[in-house]
Amino acid sequence: MGTRLQRRRLEDLQRRLGLARESLHVLEEQVAVWNDALDDTRIRAMVSETPLQAQEYDELSRHVATANAELERRKGEVSALIVERDELLREWTTKDENG
């Protein structure tokens, strides 16, 4: 059934994966809201043609770009944890089958 160390590693990976997925989900919701706000701000900037509106759009645009980069980083983190977990499970299963 695997060693105690492997079991602990798997439990730790599962815990980290759960936290990473939860964090990713929250950020996805936030980014969706910010993207909507960015669209609204872009339209206001085009209609008003004022420097203040253009500045507001630029600032929000940078914020959304940063959030999207973080979103991609977290997706990569979740993927890496899944790969690590699957490798551990494969190793564990192979040892069980081979005695």
PDB file of N, CA and C in Angstrom:
ATOM      1  N   MET A   1       0.819  -1.209   0.000  1.00  0.00           N
ATOM      2  CA  MET A   1       0.000   0.000   0.000  1.00  0.00           C
ATOM      3  C   MET A   1       0.851   1.257   0.000  1.00  0.00           C
ATOM      4  N   GLY A   2       2.150   1.131  -0.100  1.00  0.00           N
ATOM      5  CA  GLY A   2       2.991   2.319  -0.116  1.00  0.00           C
ATOM      6  C   GLY A   2       3.547   2.608   1.259  1.00  0.00           C
ATOM      7  N   THR A   3       4.627   3.320   1.277  1.00  0.00           N
ATOM      8  CA  THR A   3       5.246   3.618   2.557  1.00  0.00           C
ATOM      9  C   THR A   3       4.551   4.791   3.229  1.00  0.00           C
ATOM     10  N   ARG A   4       4.862   4.932   4.481  1.00  0.00           N
ATOM     11  CA  ARG A   4       4.296   6.041   5.257  1.00  0.00           C
ATOM     12  C   ARG A   4       4.753   7.381   4.679  1.00  0.00           C
ATOM     13  N   LEU A   5       6.014   7.446   4.237  1.00  0.00           N
ATOM     14  CA  LEU A   5       6.546   8.672   3.642  1.00  0.00           C
ATOM     15  C   LEU A   5       5.799   9.009   2.352  1.00  0.00           C
ATOM     16  N   GLN A   6       5.556   8.002   1.521  1.00  0.00           N
ATOM     17  CA  GLN A   6       4.812   8.236   0.285  1.00  0.00           C
ATOM     18  C   GLN A   6       3.397   8.716   0.592  1.00  0.00           C
ATOM     19  N   ARG A   7       2.789   8.118   1.591  1.00  0.00           N
ATOM     20  CA  ARG A   7       1.433   8.526   1.967  1.00  0.00           C
ATOM     21  C   ARG A   7       1.425   9.976   2.418  1.00  0.00           C
ATOM     22  N   ARG A   8       2.427  10.358   3.216  1.00  0.00           N
ATOM     23  CA  ARG A   8       2.509  11.746   3.673  1.00  0.00           C
ATOM     24  C   ARG A   8       2.737  12.702   2.504  1.00  0.00           C
ATOM     25  N   ARG A   9       3.610  12.303   1.584  1.00  0.00           N
ATOM     26  CA  ARG A   9       3.864  13.142   0.408  1.00  0.00           C
ATOM     27  C   ARG A   9       2.580  13.314  -0.408  1.00  0.00           C
ATOM     28  N   LEU A  10       1.848  12.220  -0.568  1.00  0.00           N
ATOM     29  CA  LEU A  10       0.605  12.284  -1.334  1.00  0.00           C
ATOM     30  C   LEU A  10      -0.427  13.167  -0.627  1.00  0.00           C
ATOM     31  N   GLU A  11      -0.547  13.026   0.670  1.00  0.00           N
ATOM     32  CA  GLU A  11      -1.479  13.873   1.423  1.00  0.00           C
ATOM     33  C   GLU A  11      -1.089  15.341   1.313  1.00  0.00           C
ATOM     34  N   ASP A  12       0.217  15.623   1.402  1.00  0.00           N
ATOM     35  CA  ASP A  12       0.692  17.000   1.270  1.00  0.00           C
ATOM     36  C   ASP A  12       0.396  17.537  -0.127  1.00  0.00           C
ATOM     37  N   LEU A  13       0.644  16.726  -1.144  1.00  0.00           N
ATOM     38  CA  LEU A  13       0.349  17.149  -2.514  1.00  0.00           C
ATOM     39  C   LEU A  13      -1.134  17.422  -2.698  1.00  0.00           C
ATOM     40  N   GLN A  14      -1.965  16.560  -2.168  1.00  0.00           N
ATOM     41  CA  GLN A  14      -3.419  16.747  -2.288  1.00  0.00           C
ATOM     42  C   GLN A  14      -3.865  18.033  -1.596  1.00  0.00           C
ATOM     43  N   ARG A  15      -3.280  18.306  -0.433  1.00  0.00           N
ATOM     44  CA  ARG A  15      -3.618  19.528   0.303  1.00  0.00           C
ATOM     45  C   ARG A  15      -3.184  20.750  -0.504  1.00  0.00           C
ATOM     46  N   ARG A  16      -1.940  20.725  -0.994  1.00  0.00           N
ATOM     47  CA  ARG A  16      -1.430  21.850  -1.791  1.00  0.00           C
ATOM     48  C   ARG A  16      -2.228  22.021  -3.082  1.00  0.00           C
ATOM     49  N   LEU A  17      -2.604  20.914  -3.705  1.00  0.00           N
ATOM     50  CA  LEU A  17      -3.387  20.980  -4.935  1.00  0.00           C
ATOM     51  C   LEU A  17      -4.762  21.585  -4.666  1.00  0.00           C
ATOM     52  N   GLY A  18      -5.389  21.192  -3.573  1.00  0.00           N
ATOM     53  CA  GLY A  18      -6.687  21.763  -3.215  1.00  0.00           C
ATOM     54  C   GLY A  18      -6.605  23.266  -2.985  1.00  0.00           C
ATOM     55  N   LEU A  19      -5.571  23.694  -2.265  1.00  0.00           N
ATOM     56  CA  LEU A  19      -5.387  25.123  -2.013  1.00  0.00           C
ATOM     57  C   LEU A  19      -5.096  25.878  -3.309  1.00  0.00           C
ATOM     58  N   ALA A  20      -4.273  25.289  -4.164  1.00  0.00           N
ATOM     59  CA  ALA A  20      -3.934  25.939  -5.438  1.00  0.00           C
ATOM     60  C   ALA A  20      -5.163  26.060  -6.327  1.00  0.00           C
ATOM     61  N   ARG A  21      -5.988  25.021  -6.362  1.00  0.00           N
ATOM     62  CA  ARG A  21      -7.210  25.080  -7.172  1.00  0.00           C
ATOM     63  C   ARG A  21      -8.178  26.119  -6.641  1.00  0.00           C
ATOM     64  N   GLU A  22      -8.301  26.186  -5.320  1.00  0.00           N
ATOM     65  CA  GLU A  22      -9.193  27.176  -4.711  1.00  0.00           C
ATOM     66  C   GLU A  22      -8.701  28.593  -5.018  1.00  0.00           C
ATOM     67  N   SER A  23      -7.416  28.815  -4.882  1.00  0.00           N
ATOM     68  CA  SER A  23      -6.823  30.118  -5.177  1.00  0.00           C
ATOM     69  C   SER A  23      -7.018  30.478  -6.644  1.00  0.00           C
ATOM     70  N   LEU A  24      -6.840  29.511  -7.524  1.00  0.00           N
ATOM     71  CA  LEU A  24      -7.035  29.726  -8.954  1.00  0.00           C
ATOM     72  C   LEU A  24      -8.481  30.104  -9.248  1.00  0.00           C
ATOM     73  N   HIS A  25      -9.409  29.416  -8.626  1.00  0.00           N
ATOM     74  CA  HIS A  25     -10.832  29.694  -8.856  1.00  0.00           C
ATOM     75  C   HIS A  25     -11.188  31.120  -8.428  1.00  0.00           C
ATOM     76  N   VAL A  26     -10.701  31.534  -7.274  1.00  0.00           N
ATOM     77  CA  VAL A  26     -10.977  32.889  -6.783  1.00  0.00           C
ATOM     78  C   VAL A  26     -10.399  33.922  -7.752  1.00  0.00           C
ATOM     79  N   LEU A  27      -9.166  33.696  -8.192  1.00  0.00           N
ATOM     80  CA  LEU A  27      -8.538  34.641  -9.115  1.00  0.00           C
ATOM     81  C   LEU A  27      -9.267  34.676 -10.453  1.00  0.00           C
ATOM     82  N   GLU A  28      -9.740  33.533 -10.928  1.00  0.00           N
ATOM     83  CA  GLU A  28     -10.498  33.506 -12.184  1.00  0.00           C
ATOM     84  C   GLU A  28     -11.747  34.377 -12.085  1.00  0.00           C
ATOM     85  N   GLU A  29     -12.433  34.302 -10.955  1.00  0.00           N
ATOM     86  CA  GLU A  29     -13.623  35.133 -10.756  1.00  0.00           C
ATOM     87  C   GLU A  29     -13.249  36.618 -10.724  1.00  0.00           C
ATOM     88  N   GLN A  30     -12.163  36.937 -10.033  1.00  0.00           N
ATOM     89  CA  GLN A  30     -11.731  38.330  -9.952  1.00  0.00           C
ATOM     90  C   GLN A  30     -11.336  38.870 -11.324  1.00  0.00           C
ATOM     91  N   VAL A  31     -10.598  38.073 -12.074  1.00  0.00           N
ATOM     92  CA  VAL A  31     -10.154  38.510 -13.399  1.00  0.00           C
ATOM     93  C   VAL A  31     -11.352  38.730 -14.317  1.00  0.00           C
ATOM     94  N   ALA A  32     -12.363  37.894 -14.205  1.00  0.00           N
ATOM     95  CA  ALA A  32     -13.565  38.077 -15.027  1.00  0.00           C
ATOM     96  C   ALA A  32     -14.222  39.425 -14.720  1.00  0.00           C
ATOM     97  N   VAL A  33     -14.309  39.769 -13.445  1.00  0.00           N
ATOM     98  CA  VAL A  33     -14.887  41.055 -13.047  1.00  0.00           C
ATOM     99  C   VAL A  33     -14.018  42.205 -13.557  1.00  0.00           C
ATOM    100  N   TRP A  34     -12.691  42.068 -13.401  1.00  0.00           N
ATOM    101  CA  TRP A  34     -11.789  43.136 -13.846  1.00  0.00           C
ATOM    102  C   TRP A  34     -11.831  43.299 -15.358  1.00  0.00           C
ATOM    103  N   ASN A  35     -11.975  42.209 -16.089  1.00  0.00           N
ATOM    104  CA  ASN A  35     -12.080  42.308 -17.550  1.00  0.00           C
ATOM    105  C   ASN A  35     -13.344  43.055 -17.957  1.00  0.00           C
ATOM    106  N   ASP A  36     -14.448  42.803 -17.262  1.00  0.00           N
ATOM    107  CA  ASP A  36     -15.679  43.554 -17.535  1.00  0.00           C
ATOM    108  C   ASP A  36     -15.482  45.039 -17.236  1.00  0.00           C
ATOM    109  N   ALA A  37     -14.849  45.323 -16.094  1.00  0.00           N
ATOM    110  CA  ALA A  37     -14.587  46.718 -15.724  1.00  0.00           C
ATOM    111  C   ALA A  37     -13.660  47.380 -16.741  1.00  0.00           C
ATOM    112  N   LEU A  38     -12.700  46.615 -17.248  1.00  0.00           N
ATOM    113  CA  LEU A  38     -11.784  47.154 -18.247  1.00  0.00           C
ATOM    114  C   LEU A  38     -12.529  47.514 -19.529  1.00  0.00           C
ATOM    115  N   ASP A  39     -13.465  46.673 -19.943  1.00  0.00           N
ATOM    116  CA  ASP A  39     -14.267  46.983 -21.130  1.00  0.00           C
ATOM    117  C   ASP A  39     -15.075  48.265 -20.927  1.00  0.00           C
ATOM    118  N   ASP A  40     -15.702  48.384 -19.762  1.00  0.00           N
ATOM    119  CA  ASP A  40     -16.474  49.599 -19.461  1.00  0.00           C
ATOM    120  C   ASP A  40     -15.572  50.839 -19.457  1.00  0.00           C
ATOM    121  N   THR A  41     -14.409  50.715 -18.846  1.00  0.00           N
ATOM    122  CA  THR A  41     -13.483  51.839 -18.762  1.00  0.00           C
ATOM    123  C   THR A  41     -12.972  52.229 -20.152  1.00  0.00           C
ATOM    124  N   ARG A  42     -12.720  51.234 -20.987  1.00  0.00           N
ATOM    125  CA  ARG A  42     -12.268  51.505 -22.355  1.00  0.00           C
ATOM    126  C   ARG A  42     -13.322  52.307 -23.118  1.00  0.00           C
ATOM    127  N   ILE A  43     -14.576  51.895 -22.978  1.00  0.00           N
ATOM    128  CA  ILE A  43     -15.662  52.610 -23.670  1.00  0.00           C
ATOM    129  C   ILE A  43     -15.789  54.032 -23.140  1.00  0.00           C
ATOM    130  N   ARG A  44     -15.723  54.202 -21.812  1.00  0.00           N
ATOM    131  CA  ARG A  44     -15.791  55.554 -21.234  1.00  0.00           C
ATOM    132  C   ARG A  44     -14.639  56.419 -21.721  1.00  0.00           C
ATOM    133  N   ALA A  45     -13.457  55.832 -21.835  1.00  0.00           N
ATOM    134  CA  ALA A  45     -12.292  56.588 -22.295  1.00  0.00           C
ATOM    135  C   ALA A  45     -12.461  57.008 -23.746  1.00  0.00           C
ATOM    136  N   MET A  46     -13.022  56.139 -24.562  1.00  0.00           N
ATOM    137  CA  MET A  46     -13.237  56.487 -25.977  1.00  0.00           C
ATOM    138  C   MET A  46     -14.298  57.562 -26.129  1.00  0.00           C
ATOM    139  N   VAL A  47     -15.370  57.458 -25.351  1.00  0.00           N
ATOM    140  CA  VAL A  47     -16.478  58.406 -25.476  1.00  0.00           C
ATOM    141  C   VAL A  47     -16.096  59.773 -24.910  1.00  0.00           C
ATOM    142  N   SER A  48     -15.476  59.798 -23.753  1.00  0.00           N
ATOM    143  CA  SER A  48     -15.180  61.082 -23.106  1.00  0.00           C
ATOM    144  C   SER A  48     -13.953  61.765 -23.699  1.00  0.00           C
ATOM    145  N   GLU A  49     -13.005  60.979 -24.177  1.00  0.00           N
ATOM    146  CA  GLU A  49     -11.763  61.503 -24.757  1.00  0.00           C
ATOM    147  C   GLU A  49     -11.048  62.473 -23.823  1.00  0.00           C
ATOM    148  N   THR A  50     -11.075  62.193 -22.533  1.00  0.00           N
ATOM    149  CA  THR A  50     -10.361  63.033 -21.573  1.00  0.00           C
ATOM    150  C   THR A  50      -9.108  62.295 -21.101  1.00  0.00           C
ATOM    151  N   PRO A  51      -8.081  63.056 -20.748  1.00  0.00           N
ATOM    152  CA  PRO A  51      -6.855  62.417 -20.259  1.00  0.00           C
ATOM    153  C   PRO A  51      -7.083  61.593 -18.986  1.00  0.00           C
ATOM    154  N   LEU A  52      -7.986  62.055 -18.143  1.00  0.00           N
ATOM    155  CA  LEU A  52      -8.262  61.341 -16.896  1.00  0.00           C
ATOM    156  C   LEU A  52      -8.846  59.956 -17.181  1.00  0.00           C
ATOM    157  N   GLN A  53      -9.795  59.875 -18.094  1.00  0.00           N
ATOM    158  CA  GLN A  53     -10.394  58.586 -18.448  1.00  0.00           C
ATOM    159  C   GLN A  53      -9.357  57.672 -19.117  1.00  0.00           C
ATOM    160  N   ALA A  54      -8.525  58.258 -19.961  1.00  0.00           N
ATOM    161  CA  ALA A  54      -7.478  57.472 -20.621  1.00  0.00           C
ATOM    162  C   ALA A  54      -6.488  56.936 -19.594  1.00  0.00           C
ATOM    163  N   GLN A  55      -6.153  57.752 -18.601  1.00  0.00           N
ATOM    164  CA  GLN A  55      -5.238  57.322 -17.536  1.00  0.00           C
ATOM    165  C   GLN A  55      -5.871  56.201 -16.714  1.00  0.00           C
ATOM    166  N   GLU A  56      -7.148  56.335 -16.398  1.00  0.00           N
ATOM    167  CA  GLU A  56      -7.856  55.308 -15.640  1.00  0.00           C
ATOM    168  C   GLU A  56      -7.835  53.982 -16.403  1.00  0.00           C
ATOM    169  N   TYR A  57      -8.069  54.068 -17.720  1.00  0.00           N
ATOM    170  CA  TYR A  57      -8.042  52.859 -18.539  1.00  0.00           C
ATOM    171  C   TYR A  57      -6.645  52.239 -18.549  1.00  0.00           C
ATOM    172  N   ASP A  58      -5.617  53.056 -18.705  1.00  0.00           N
ATOM    173  CA  ASP A  58      -4.240  52.547 -18.729  1.00  0.00           C
ATOM    174  C   ASP A  58      -3.877  51.851 -17.419  1.00  0.00           C
ATOM    175  N   GLU A  59      -4.248  52.457 -16.295  1.00  0.00           N
ATOM    176  CA  GLU A  59      -3.949  51.869 -14.988  1.00  0.00           C
ATOM    177  C   GLU A  59      -4.669  50.540 -14.805  1.00  0.00           C
ATOM    178  N   LEU A  60      -5.945  50.510 -15.143  1.00  0.00           N
ATOM    179  CA  LEU A  60      -6.706  49.272 -15.005  1.00  0.00           C
ATOM    180  C   LEU A  60      -6.191  48.210 -15.977  1.00  0.00           C
ATOM    181  N   SER A  61      -5.787  48.637 -17.149  1.00  0.00           N
ATOM    182  CA  SER A  61      -5.245  47.712 -18.136  1.00  0.00           C
ATOM    183  C   SER A  61      -3.978  47.027 -17.614  1.00  0.00           C
ATOM    184  N   ARG A  62      -3.101  47.809 -16.979  1.00  0.00           N
ATOM    185  CA  ARG A  62      -1.886  47.228 -16.389  1.00  0.00           C
ATOM    186  C   ARG A  62      -2.238  46.264 -15.266  1.00  0.00           C
ATOM    187  N   HIS A  63      -3.215  46.638 -14.457  1.00  0.00           N
ATOM    188  CA  HIS A  63      -3.651  45.785 -13.349  1.00  0.00           C
ATOM    189  C   HIS A  63      -4.201  44.453 -13.879  1.00  0.00           C
ATOM    190  N   VAL A  64      -5.020  44.521 -14.903  1.00  0.00           N
ATOM    191  CA  VAL A  64      -5.608  43.311 -15.483  1.00  0.00           C
ATOM    192  C   VAL A  64      -4.521  42.448 -16.135  1.00  0.00           C
ATOM    193  N   ALA A  65      -3.557  43.068 -16.785  1.00  0.00           N
ATOM    194  CA  ALA A  65      -2.452  42.313 -17.394  1.00  0.00           C
ATOM    195  C   ALA A  65      -1.656  41.566 -16.326  1.00  0.00           C
ATOM    196  N   THR A  66      -1.410  42.223 -15.205  1.00  0.00           N
ATOM    197  CA  THR A  66      -0.706  41.581 -14.098  1.00  0.00           C
ATOM    198  C   THR A  66      -1.525  40.425 -13.537  1.00  0.00           C
ATOM    199  N   ALA A  67      -2.824  40.642 -13.381  1.00  0.00           N
ATOM    200  CA  ALA A  67      -3.706  39.594 -12.863  1.00  0.00           C
ATOM    201  C   ALA A  67      -3.759  38.405 -13.829  1.00  0.00           C
ATOM    202  N   ASN A  68      -3.788  38.680 -15.132  1.00  0.00           N
ATOM    203  CA  ASN A  68      -3.793  37.592 -16.107  1.00  0.00           C
ATOM    204  C   ASN A  68      -2.491  36.800 -16.073  1.00  0.00           C
ATOM    205  N   ALA A  69      -1.374  37.485 -15.868  1.00  0.00           N
ATOM    206  CA  ALA A  69      -0.087  36.795 -15.751  1.00  0.00           C
ATOM    207  C   ALA A  69      -0.081  35.902 -14.512  1.00  0.00           C
ATOM    208  N   GLU A  70      -0.622  36.411 -13.407  1.00  0.00           N
ATOM    209  CA  GLU A  70      -0.713  35.615 -12.182  1.00  0.00           C
ATOM    210  C   GLU A  70      -1.650  34.425 -12.389  1.00  0.00           C
ATOM    211  N   LEU A  71      -2.714  34.625 -13.124  1.00  0.00           N
ATOM    212  CA  LEU A  71      -3.645  33.546 -13.431  1.00  0.00           C
ATOM    213  C   LEU A  71      -2.924  32.425 -14.184  1.00  0.00           C
ATOM    214  N   GLU A  72      -2.128  32.781 -15.161  1.00  0.00           N
ATOM    215  CA  GLU A  72      -1.373  31.776 -15.922  1.00  0.00           C
ATOM    216  C   GLU A  72      -0.358  31.069 -15.020  1.00  0.00           C
ATOM    217  N   ARG A  73       0.279  31.815 -14.129  1.00  0.00           N
ATOM    218  CA  ARG A  73       1.235  31.209 -13.211  1.00  0.00           C
ATOM    219  C   ARG A  73       0.552  30.178 -12.318  1.00  0.00           C
ATOM    220  N   ARG A  74      -0.623  30.548 -11.818  1.00  0.00           N
ATOM    221  CA  ARG A  74      -1.348  29.622 -10.936  1.00  0.00           C
ATOM    222  C   ARG A  74      -1.859  28.404 -11.689  1.00  0.00           C
ATOM    223  N   LYS A  75      -2.263  28.580 -12.942  1.00  0.00           N
ATOM    224  CA  LYS A  75      -2.653  27.425 -13.760  1.00  0.00           C
ATOM    225  C   LYS A  75      -1.469  26.483 -13.930  1.00  0.00           C
ATOM    226  N   GLY A  76      -0.294  27.049 -14.145  1.00  0.00           N
ATOM    227  CA  GLY A  76       0.915  26.238 -14.259  1.00  0.00           C
ATOM    228  C   GLY A  76       1.230  25.513 -12.967  1.00  0.00           C
ATOM    229  N   GLU A  77       1.014  26.191 -11.845  1.00  0.00           N
ATOM    230  CA  GLU A  77       1.248  25.573 -10.536  1.00  0.00           C
ATOM    231  C   GLU A  77       0.314  24.385 -10.331  1.00  0.00           C
ATOM    232  N   VAL A  78      -0.951  24.555 -10.663  1.00  0.00           N
ATOM    233  CA  VAL A  78      -1.921  23.458 -10.526  1.00  0.00           C
ATOM    234  C   VAL A  78      -1.517  22.295 -11.431  1.00  0.00           C
ATOM    235  N   SER A  79      -1.145  22.589 -12.654  1.00  0.00           N
ATOM    236  CA  SER A  79      -0.725  21.536 -13.587  1.00  0.00           C
ATOM    237  C   SER A  79       0.500  20.788 -13.066  1.00  0.00           C
ATOM    238  N   ALA A  80       1.466  21.521 -12.538  1.00  0.00           N
ATOM    239  CA  ALA A  80       2.679  20.895 -12.009  1.00  0.00           C
ATOM    240  C   ALA A  80       2.353  20.001 -10.818  1.00  0.00           C
ATOM    241  N   LEU A  81       1.460  20.445  -9.950  1.00  0.00           N
ATOM    242  CA  LEU A  81       1.073  19.626  -8.805  1.00  0.00           C
ATOM    243  C   LEU A  81       0.349  18.359  -9.251  1.00  0.00           C
ATOM    244  N   ILE A  82      -0.474  18.465 -10.277  1.00  0.00           N
ATOM    245  CA  ILE A  82      -1.180  17.296 -10.792  1.00  0.00           C
ATOM    246  C   ILE A  82      -0.176  16.294 -11.361  1.00  0.00           C
ATOM    247  N   VAL A  83       0.789  16.783 -12.109  1.00  0.00           N
ATOM    248  CA  VAL A  83       1.821  15.897 -12.674  1.00  0.00           C
ATOM    249  C   VAL A  83       2.599  15.223 -11.556  1.00  0.00           C
ATOM    250  N   GLU A  84       2.997  15.991 -10.554  1.00  0.00           N
ATOM    251  CA  GLU A  84       3.747  15.438  -9.424  1.00  0.00           C
ATOM    252  C   GLU A  84       2.928  14.378  -8.688  1.00  0.00           C
ATOM    253  N   ARG A  85       1.654  14.672  -8.475  1.00  0.00           N
ATOM    254  CA  ARG A  85       0.778  13.705  -7.806  1.00  0.00           C
ATOM    255  C   ARG A  85       0.633  12.429  -8.623  1.00  0.00           C
ATOM    256  N   ASP A  86       0.416  12.581  -9.925  1.00  0.00           N
ATOM    257  CA  ASP A  86       0.246  11.416 -10.791  1.00  0.00           C
ATOM    258  C   ASP A  86       1.505  10.564 -10.838  1.00  0.00           C
ATOM    259  N   GLU A  87       2.676  11.214 -10.859  1.00  0.00           N
ATOM    260  CA  GLU A  87       3.932  10.469 -10.841  1.00  0.00           C
ATOM    261  C   GLU A  87       4.086   9.689  -9.543  1.00  0.00           C
ATOM    262  N   LEU A  88       3.737  10.312  -8.425  1.00  0.00           N
ATOM    263  CA  LEU A  88       3.818   9.639  -7.134  1.00  0.00           C
ATOM    264  C   LEU A  88       2.861   8.454  -7.093  1.00  0.00           C
ATOM    265  N   LEU A  89       1.658   8.643  -7.597  1.00  0.00           N
ATOM    266  CA  LEU A  89       0.689   7.548  -7.616  1.00  0.00           C
ATOM    267  C   LEU A  89       1.161   6.404  -8.518  1.00  0.00           C
ATOM    268  N   ARG A  90       1.743   6.746  -9.666  1.00  0.00           N
ATOM    269  CA  ARG A  90       2.267   5.720 -10.571  1.00  0.00           C
ATOM    270  C   ARG A  90       3.390   4.937  -9.899  1.00  0.00           C
ATOM    271  N   GLU A  91       4.280   5.659  -9.243  1.00  0.00           N
ATOM    272  CA  GLU A  91       5.389   5.017  -8.528  1.00  0.00           C
ATOM    273  C   GLU A  91       4.863   4.110  -7.425  1.00  0.00           C
ATOM    274  N   TRP A  92       3.895   4.591  -6.714  1.00  0.00           N
ATOM    275  CA  TRP A  92       3.311   3.839  -5.614  1.00  0.00           C
ATOM    276  C   TRP A  92       2.645   2.568  -6.142  1.00  0.00           C
ATOM    277  N   THR A  93       1.865   2.703  -7.207  1.00  0.00           N
ATOM    278  CA  THR A  93       1.159   1.572  -7.805  1.00  0.00           C
ATOM    279  C   THR A  93       2.139   0.553  -8.363  1.00  0.00           C
ATOM    280  N   THR A  94       3.201   0.997  -9.011  1.00  0.00           N
ATOM    281  CA  THR A  94       4.208   0.100  -9.577  1.00  0.00           C
ATOM    282  C   THR A  94       4.884  -0.699  -8.486  1.00  0.00           C
ATOM    283  N   LYS A  95       5.215  -0.061  -7.370  1.00  0.00           N
ATOM    284  CA  LYS A  95       5.839  -0.768  -6.256  1.00  0.00           C
ATOM    285  C   LYS A  95       4.884  -1.811  -5.684  1.00  0.00           C
ATOM    286  N   ASP A  96       3.599  -1.475  -5.598  1.00  0.00           N
ATOM    287  CA  ASP A  96       2.623  -2.425  -5.080  1.00  0.00           C
ATOM    288  C   ASP A  96       2.486  -3.634  -5.988  1.00  0.00           C
ATOM    289  N   GLU A  97       2.511  -3.416  -7.302  1.00  0.00           N
ATOM    290  CA  GLU A  97       2.344  -4.507  -8.263  1.00  0.00           C
ATOM    291  C   GLU A  97       3.577  -5.397  -8.298  1.00  0.00           C
ATOM    292  N   ASN A  98       4.767  -4.819  -8.064  1.00  0.00           N
ATOM    293  CA  ASN A  98       6.015  -5.575  -8.132  1.00  0.00           C
ATOM    294  C   ASN A  98       6.413  -6.161  -6.788  1.00  0.00           C
ATOM    295  N   GLY A  99       5.654  -5.867  -5.769  1.00  0.00           N
ATOM    296  CA  GLY A  99       5.930  -6.456  -4.460  1.00  0.00           C
ATOM    297  C   GLY A  99       6.814  -5.591  -3.675  1.00  0.00           C
TER     298      GLY A  99
END
